[in-house]
Amino acid sequence: MNSKLSVLIVEDEDSLRNLVREELTIHGFEVDTAEDGAIALEKLSNRHFNLVVLDILMPNVNGMEV
């Protein structure tokens, strides 16, 4: 069993998404990312995350729609 907490970072800005991913990984979290809400919904339908960090203003499916 994996004891790391899993986090999904949903952010359309590459630099911010990568910064948050790097910081959380350094602190021991298992991190996955999505660049928009549609990709996030697909990932959420396939696995469980302990936490989702979600941008509100994104293309395609926005954070409120997710």
PDB file of N, CA and C in Angstrom:
ATOM      1  N   MET A   1       0.841  -1.194   0.000  1.00  0.00           N
ATOM      2  CA  MET A   1       0.000   0.000   0.000  1.00  0.00           C
ATOM      3  C   MET A   1       0.874   1.241   0.000  1.00  0.00           C
ATOM      4  N   ASN A   2       0.503   2.223  -0.810  1.00  0.00           N
ATOM      5  CA  ASN A   2       1.252   3.463  -0.904  1.00  0.00           C
ATOM      6  C   ASN A   2       0.841   4.380   0.239  1.00  0.00           C
ATOM      7  N   SER A   3       1.814   4.823   1.045  1.00  0.00           N
ATOM      8  CA  SER A   3       1.488   5.665   2.190  1.00  0.00           C
ATOM      9  C   SER A   3       1.534   7.150   1.860  1.00  0.00           C
ATOM     10  N   LYS A   4       1.970   7.516   0.651  1.00  0.00           N
ATOM     11  CA  LYS A   4       2.007   8.918   0.268  1.00  0.00           C
ATOM     12  C   LYS A   4       0.597   9.415  -0.028  1.00  0.00           C
ATOM     13  N   LEU A   5       0.337  10.647   0.351  1.00  0.00           N
ATOM     14  CA  LEU A   5      -0.930  11.275   0.001  1.00  0.00           C
ATOM     15  C   LEU A   5      -0.845  11.738  -1.446  1.00  0.00           C
ATOM     16  N   SER A   6      -1.933  11.545  -2.192  1.00  0.00           N
ATOM     17  CA  SER A   6      -1.937  11.893  -3.612  1.00  0.00           C
ATOM     18  C   SER A   6      -2.671  13.209  -3.837  1.00  0.00           C
ATOM     19  N   VAL A   7      -2.076  14.028  -4.708  1.00  0.00           N
ATOM     20  CA  VAL A   7      -2.616  15.350  -5.012  1.00  0.00           C
ATOM     21  C   VAL A   7      -2.715  15.499  -6.524  1.00  0.00           C
ATOM     22  N   LEU A   8      -3.832  16.042  -6.985  1.00  0.00           N
ATOM     23  CA  LEU A   8      -3.995  16.403  -8.387  1.00  0.00           C
ATOM     24  C   LEU A   8      -3.946  17.923  -8.481  1.00  0.00           C
ATOM     25  N   ILE A   9      -2.996  18.442  -9.260  1.00  0.00           N
ATOM     26  CA  ILE A   9      -2.869  19.876  -9.486  1.00  0.00           C
ATOM     27  C   ILE A   9      -3.501  20.174 -10.842  1.00  0.00           C
ATOM     28  N   VAL A  10      -4.513  21.041 -10.849  1.00  0.00           N
ATOM     29  CA  VAL A  10      -5.202  21.404 -12.093  1.00  0.00           C
ATOM     30  C   VAL A  10      -4.966  22.896 -12.322  1.00  0.00           C
ATOM     31  N   GLU A  11      -4.121  23.191 -13.304  1.00  0.00           N
ATOM     32  CA  GLU A  11      -3.692  24.572 -13.564  1.00  0.00           C
ATOM     33  C   GLU A  11      -3.289  24.681 -15.026  1.00  0.00           C
ATOM     34  N   ASP A  12      -3.804  25.686 -15.728  1.00  0.00           N
ATOM     35  CA  ASP A  12      -3.491  25.837 -17.150  1.00  0.00           C
ATOM     36  C   ASP A  12      -2.159  26.530 -17.405  1.00  0.00           C
ATOM     37  N   GLU A  13      -1.618  27.229 -16.434  1.00  0.00           N
ATOM     38  CA  GLU A  13      -0.328  27.903 -16.606  1.00  0.00           C
ATOM     39  C   GLU A  13       0.806  26.931 -16.259  1.00  0.00           C
ATOM     40  N   ASP A  14       1.613  26.596 -17.272  1.00  0.00           N
ATOM     41  CA  ASP A  14       2.672  25.586 -17.106  1.00  0.00           C
ATOM     42  C   ASP A  14       3.613  25.886 -15.944  1.00  0.00           C
ATOM     43  N   SER A  15       4.096  27.107 -15.853  1.00  0.00           N
ATOM     44  CA  SER A  15       5.098  27.430 -14.833  1.00  0.00           C
ATOM     45  C   SER A  15       4.524  27.286 -13.419  1.00  0.00           C
ATOM     46  N   LEU A  16       3.312  27.712 -13.210  1.00  0.00           N
ATOM     47  CA  LEU A  16       2.690  27.600 -11.888  1.00  0.00           C
ATOM     48  C   LEU A  16       2.388  26.139 -11.554  1.00  0.00           C
ATOM     49  N   ARG A  17       1.875  25.398 -12.535  1.00  0.00           N
ATOM     50  CA  ARG A  17       1.591  23.971 -12.333  1.00  0.00           C
ATOM     51  C   ARG A  17       2.863  23.223 -11.957  1.00  0.00           C
ATOM     52  N   ASN A  18       3.962  23.497 -12.655  1.00  0.00           N
ATOM     53  CA  ASN A  18       5.222  22.818 -12.367  1.00  0.00           C
ATOM     54  C   ASN A  18       5.806  23.225 -11.026  1.00  0.00           C
ATOM     55  N   LEU A  19       5.682  24.492 -10.656  1.00  0.00           N
ATOM     56  CA  LEU A  19       6.174  24.965  -9.362  1.00  0.00           C
ATOM     57  C   LEU A  19       5.460  24.259  -8.213  1.00  0.00           C
ATOM     58  N   VAL A  20       4.140  24.191  -8.283  1.00  0.00           N
ATOM     59  CA  VAL A  20       3.367  23.534  -7.220  1.00  0.00           C
ATOM     60  C   VAL A  20       3.696  22.036  -7.171  1.00  0.00           C
ATOM     61  N   ARG A  21       3.807  21.410  -8.353  1.00  0.00           N
ATOM     62  CA  ARG A  21       4.162  19.985  -8.410  1.00  0.00           C
ATOM     63  C   ARG A  21       5.515  19.726  -7.749  1.00  0.00           C
ATOM     64  N   GLU A  22       6.509  20.524  -8.079  1.00  0.00           N
ATOM     65  CA  GLU A  22       7.849  20.352  -7.513  1.00  0.00           C
ATOM     66  C   GLU A  22       7.848  20.517  -5.999  1.00  0.00           C
ATOM     67  N   GLU A  23       7.180  21.547  -5.510  1.00  0.00           N
ATOM     68  CA  GLU A  23       7.137  21.792  -4.060  1.00  0.00           C
ATOM     69  C   GLU A  23       6.463  20.648  -3.317  1.00  0.00           C
ATOM     70  N   LEU A  24       5.329  20.192  -3.825  1.00  0.00           N
ATOM     71  CA  LEU A  24       4.624  19.105  -3.147  1.00  0.00           C
ATOM     72  C   LEU A  24       5.405  17.795  -3.218  1.00  0.00           C
ATOM     73  N   THR A  25       6.074  17.556  -4.334  1.00  0.00           N
ATOM     74  CA  THR A  25       6.891  16.343  -4.467  1.00  0.00           C
ATOM     75  C   THR A  25       8.039  16.367  -3.466  1.00  0.00           C
ATOM     76  N   ILE A  26       8.687  17.512  -3.316  1.00  0.00           N
ATOM     77  CA  ILE A  26       9.778  17.659  -2.333  1.00  0.00           C
ATOM     78  C   ILE A  26       9.289  17.316  -0.935  1.00  0.00           C
ATOM     79  N   HIS A  27       8.059  17.647  -0.627  1.00  0.00           N
ATOM     80  CA  HIS A  27       7.498  17.409   0.703  1.00  0.00           C
ATOM     81  C   HIS A  27       6.834  16.041   0.840  1.00  0.00           C
ATOM     82  N   GLY A  28       7.057  15.163  -0.139  1.00  0.00           N
ATOM     83  CA  GLY A  28       6.653  13.775   0.001  1.00  0.00           C
ATOM     84  C   GLY A  28       5.301  13.381  -0.554  1.00  0.00           C
ATOM     85  N   PHE A  29       4.646  14.279  -1.265  1.00  0.00           N
ATOM     86  CA  PHE A  29       3.351  13.956  -1.849  1.00  0.00           C
ATOM     87  C   PHE A  29       3.526  13.274  -3.198  1.00  0.00           C
ATOM     88  N   GLU A  30       2.590  12.418  -3.549  1.00  0.00           N
ATOM     89  CA  GLU A  30       2.523  11.855  -4.897  1.00  0.00           C
ATOM     90  C   GLU A  30       1.654  12.809  -5.713  1.00  0.00           C
ATOM     91  N   VAL A  31       2.219  13.383  -6.766  1.00  0.00           N
ATOM     92  CA  VAL A  31       1.543  14.458  -7.494  1.00  0.00           C
ATOM     93  C   VAL A  31       1.290  14.072  -8.944  1.00  0.00           C
ATOM     94  N   ASP A  32       0.070  14.348  -9.403  1.00  0.00           N
ATOM     95  CA  ASP A  32      -0.280  14.242 -10.811  1.00  0.00           C
ATOM     96  C   ASP A  32      -0.789  15.616 -11.217  1.00  0.00           C
ATOM     97  N   THR A  33      -0.776  15.920 -12.517  1.00  0.00           N
ATOM     98  CA  THR A  33      -1.200  17.232 -12.976  1.00  0.00           C
ATOM     99  C   THR A  33      -2.174  17.115 -14.147  1.00  0.00           C
ATOM    100  N   ALA A  34      -2.915  18.191 -14.336  1.00  0.00           N
ATOM    101  CA  ALA A  34      -3.802  18.331 -15.490  1.00  0.00           C
ATOM    102  C   ALA A  34      -3.789  19.796 -15.898  1.00  0.00           C
ATOM    103  N   GLU A  35      -3.802  20.044 -17.208  1.00  0.00           N
ATOM    104  CA  GLU A  35      -3.745  21.429 -17.672  1.00  0.00           C
ATOM    105  C   GLU A  35      -5.108  22.064 -17.923  1.00  0.00           C
ATOM    106  N   ASP A  36      -6.171  21.296 -17.791  1.00  0.00           N
ATOM    107  CA  ASP A  36      -7.511  21.881 -17.856  1.00  0.00           C
ATOM    108  C   ASP A  36      -8.514  20.963 -17.165  1.00  0.00           C
ATOM    109  N   GLY A  37      -9.732  21.473 -17.014  1.00  0.00           N
ATOM    110  CA  GLY A  37     -10.755  20.736 -16.288  1.00  0.00           C
ATOM    111  C   GLY A  37     -11.186  19.441 -16.939  1.00  0.00           C
ATOM    112  N   ALA A  38     -11.174  19.398 -18.269  1.00  0.00           N
ATOM    113  CA  ALA A  38     -11.573  18.167 -18.958  1.00  0.00           C
ATOM    114  C   ALA A  38     -10.602  17.032 -18.644  1.00  0.00           C
ATOM    115  N   ILE A  39      -9.307  17.336 -18.671  1.00  0.00           N
ATOM    116  CA  ILE A  39      -8.299  16.327 -18.338  1.00  0.00           C
ATOM    117  C   ILE A  39      -8.417  15.941 -16.868  1.00  0.00           C
ATOM    118  N   ALA A  40      -8.678  16.917 -16.008  1.00  0.00           N
ATOM    119  CA  ALA A  40      -8.846  16.632 -14.582  1.00  0.00           C
ATOM    120  C   ALA A  40     -10.007  15.673 -14.351  1.00  0.00           C
ATOM    121  N   LEU A  41     -11.133  15.915 -15.012  1.00  0.00           N
ATOM    122  CA  LEU A  41     -12.289  15.032 -14.840  1.00  0.00           C
ATOM    123  C   LEU A  41     -11.978  13.608 -15.285  1.00  0.00           C
ATOM    124  N   GLU A  42     -11.229  13.480 -16.369  1.00  0.00           N
ATOM    125  CA  GLU A  42     -10.830  12.151 -16.836  1.00  0.00           C
ATOM    126  C   GLU A  42      -9.953  11.448 -15.796  1.00  0.00           C
ATOM    127  N   LYS A  43      -8.978  12.180 -15.250  1.00  0.00           N
ATOM    128  CA  LYS A  43      -8.091  11.588 -14.240  1.00  0.00           C
ATOM    129  C   LYS A  43      -8.863  11.241 -12.971  1.00  0.00           C
ATOM    130  N   LEU A  44      -9.796  12.100 -12.584  1.00  0.00           N
ATOM    131  CA  LEU A  44     -10.593  11.847 -11.383  1.00  0.00           C
ATOM    132  C   LEU A  44     -11.516  10.640 -11.547  1.00  0.00           C
ATOM    133  N   SER A  45     -11.919  10.349 -12.768  1.00  0.00           N
ATOM    134  CA  SER A  45     -12.789   9.192 -12.986  1.00  0.00           C
ATOM    135  C   SER A  45     -12.008   7.881 -12.939  1.00  0.00           C
ATOM    136  N   ASN A  46     -10.679   7.973 -13.067  1.00  0.00           N
ATOM    137  CA  ASN A  46      -9.850   6.769 -13.109  1.00  0.00           C
ATOM    138  C   ASN A  46      -9.109   6.457 -11.809  1.00  0.00           C
ATOM    139  N   ARG A  47      -9.016   7.419 -10.901  1.00  0.00           N
ATOM    140  CA  ARG A  47      -8.313   7.141  -9.643  1.00  0.00           C
ATOM    141  C   ARG A  47      -8.740   8.104  -8.549  1.00  0.00           C
ATOM    142  N   HIS A  48      -8.400   7.745  -7.324  1.00  0.00           N
ATOM    143  CA  HIS A  48      -8.717   8.550  -6.147  1.00  0.00           C
ATOM    144  C   HIS A  48      -7.541   9.466  -5.821  1.00  0.00           C
ATOM    145  N   PHE A  49      -7.825  10.717  -5.489  1.00  0.00           N
ATOM    146  CA  PHE A  49      -6.822  11.652  -4.993  1.00  0.00           C
ATOM    147  C   PHE A  49      -7.252  12.107  -3.603  1.00  0.00           C
ATOM    148  N   ASN A  50      -6.288  12.295  -2.718  1.00  0.00           N
ATOM    149  CA  ASN A  50      -6.592  12.808  -1.391  1.00  0.00           C
ATOM    150  C   ASN A  50      -6.936  14.293  -1.423  1.00  0.00           C
ATOM    151  N   LEU A  51      -6.364  15.004  -2.399  1.00  0.00           N
ATOM    152  CA  LEU A  51      -6.575  16.446  -2.505  1.00  0.00           C
ATOM    153  C   LEU A  51      -6.514  16.857  -3.967  1.00  0.00           C
ATOM    154  N   VAL A  52      -7.378  17.803  -4.353  1.00  0.00           N
ATOM    155  CA  VAL A  52      -7.329  18.394  -5.683  1.00  0.00           C
ATOM    156  C   VAL A  52      -7.136  19.896  -5.502  1.00  0.00           C
ATOM    157  N   VAL A  53      -6.051  20.427  -6.080  1.00  0.00           N
ATOM    158  CA  VAL A  53      -5.793  21.867  -6.083  1.00  0.00           C
ATOM    159  C   VAL A  53      -6.224  22.346  -7.457  1.00  0.00           C
ATOM    160  N   LEU A  54      -7.242  23.185  -7.476  1.00  0.00           N
ATOM    161  CA  LEU A  54      -7.965  23.467  -8.719  1.00  0.00           C
ATOM    162  C   LEU A  54      -8.011  24.955  -9.025  1.00  0.00           C
ATOM    163  N   ASP A  55      -7.498  25.325 -10.194  1.00  0.00           N
ATOM    164  CA  ASP A  55      -7.620  26.686 -10.697  1.00  0.00           C
ATOM    165  C   ASP A  55      -9.077  26.890 -11.128  1.00  0.00           C
ATOM    166  N   ILE A  56      -9.579  28.099 -10.984  1.00  0.00           N
ATOM    167  CA  ILE A  56     -10.960  28.376 -11.369  1.00  0.00           C
ATOM    168  C   ILE A  56     -11.054  28.795 -12.835  1.00  0.00           C
ATOM    169  N   LEU A  57     -10.161  29.681 -13.283  1.00  0.00           N
ATOM    170  CA  LEU A  57     -10.222  30.208 -14.646  1.00  0.00           C
ATOM    171  C   LEU A  57      -9.304  29.401 -15.561  1.00  0.00           C
ATOM    172  N   MET A  58      -9.918  28.490 -16.330  1.00  0.00           N
ATOM    173  CA  MET A  58      -9.179  27.628 -17.256  1.00  0.00           C
ATOM    174  C   MET A  58      -9.972  27.465 -18.540  1.00  0.00           C
ATOM    175  N   PRO A  59      -9.274  27.124 -19.631  1.00  0.00           N
ATOM    176  CA  PRO A  59      -9.995  26.865 -20.888  1.00  0.00           C
ATOM    177  C   PRO A  59     -10.756  25.555 -20.831  1.00  0.00           C
ATOM    178  N   ASN A  60     -11.612  25.352 -21.806  1.00  0.00           N
ATOM    179  CA  ASN A  60     -12.440  24.130 -21.926  1.00  0.00           C
ATOM    180  C   ASN A  60     -13.383  24.024 -20.739  1.00  0.00           C
ATOM    181  N   VAL A  61     -13.107  23.160 -19.799  1.00  0.00           N
ATOM    182  CA  VAL A  61     -13.936  23.010 -18.591  1.00  0.00           C
ATOM    183  C   VAL A  61     -13.251  23.780 -17.482  1.00  0.00           C
ATOM    184  N   ASN A  62     -13.928  24.808 -16.929  1.00  0.00           N
ATOM    185  CA  ASN A  62     -13.287  25.609 -15.884  1.00  0.00           C
ATOM    186  C   ASN A  62     -13.413  24.940 -14.504  1.00  0.00           C
ATOM    187  N   GLY A  63     -12.763  25.538 -13.529  1.00  0.00           N
ATOM    188  CA  GLY A  63     -12.744  24.967 -12.194  1.00  0.00           C
ATOM    189  C   GLY A  63     -14.111  24.848 -11.547  1.00  0.00           C
ATOM    190  N   MET A  64     -14.999  25.790 -11.784  1.00  0.00           N
ATOM    191  CA  MET A  64     -16.341  25.722 -11.207  1.00  0.00           C
ATOM    192  C   MET A  64     -17.128  24.570 -11.819  1.00  0.00           C
ATOM    193  N   GLU A  65     -16.910  24.290 -13.093  1.00  0.00           N
ATOM    194  CA  GLU A  65     -17.604  23.183 -13.751  1.00  0.00           C
ATOM    195  C   GLU A  65     -17.089  21.833 -13.258  1.00  0.00           C
ATOM    196  N   VAL A  66     -15.814  21.776 -12.937  1.00  0.00           N
ATOM    197  CA  VAL A  66     -15.257  20.532 -12.397  1.00  0.00           C
ATOM    198  C   VAL A  66     -15.916  20.249 -11.072  1.00  0.00           C
TER     199      VAL A  66
END
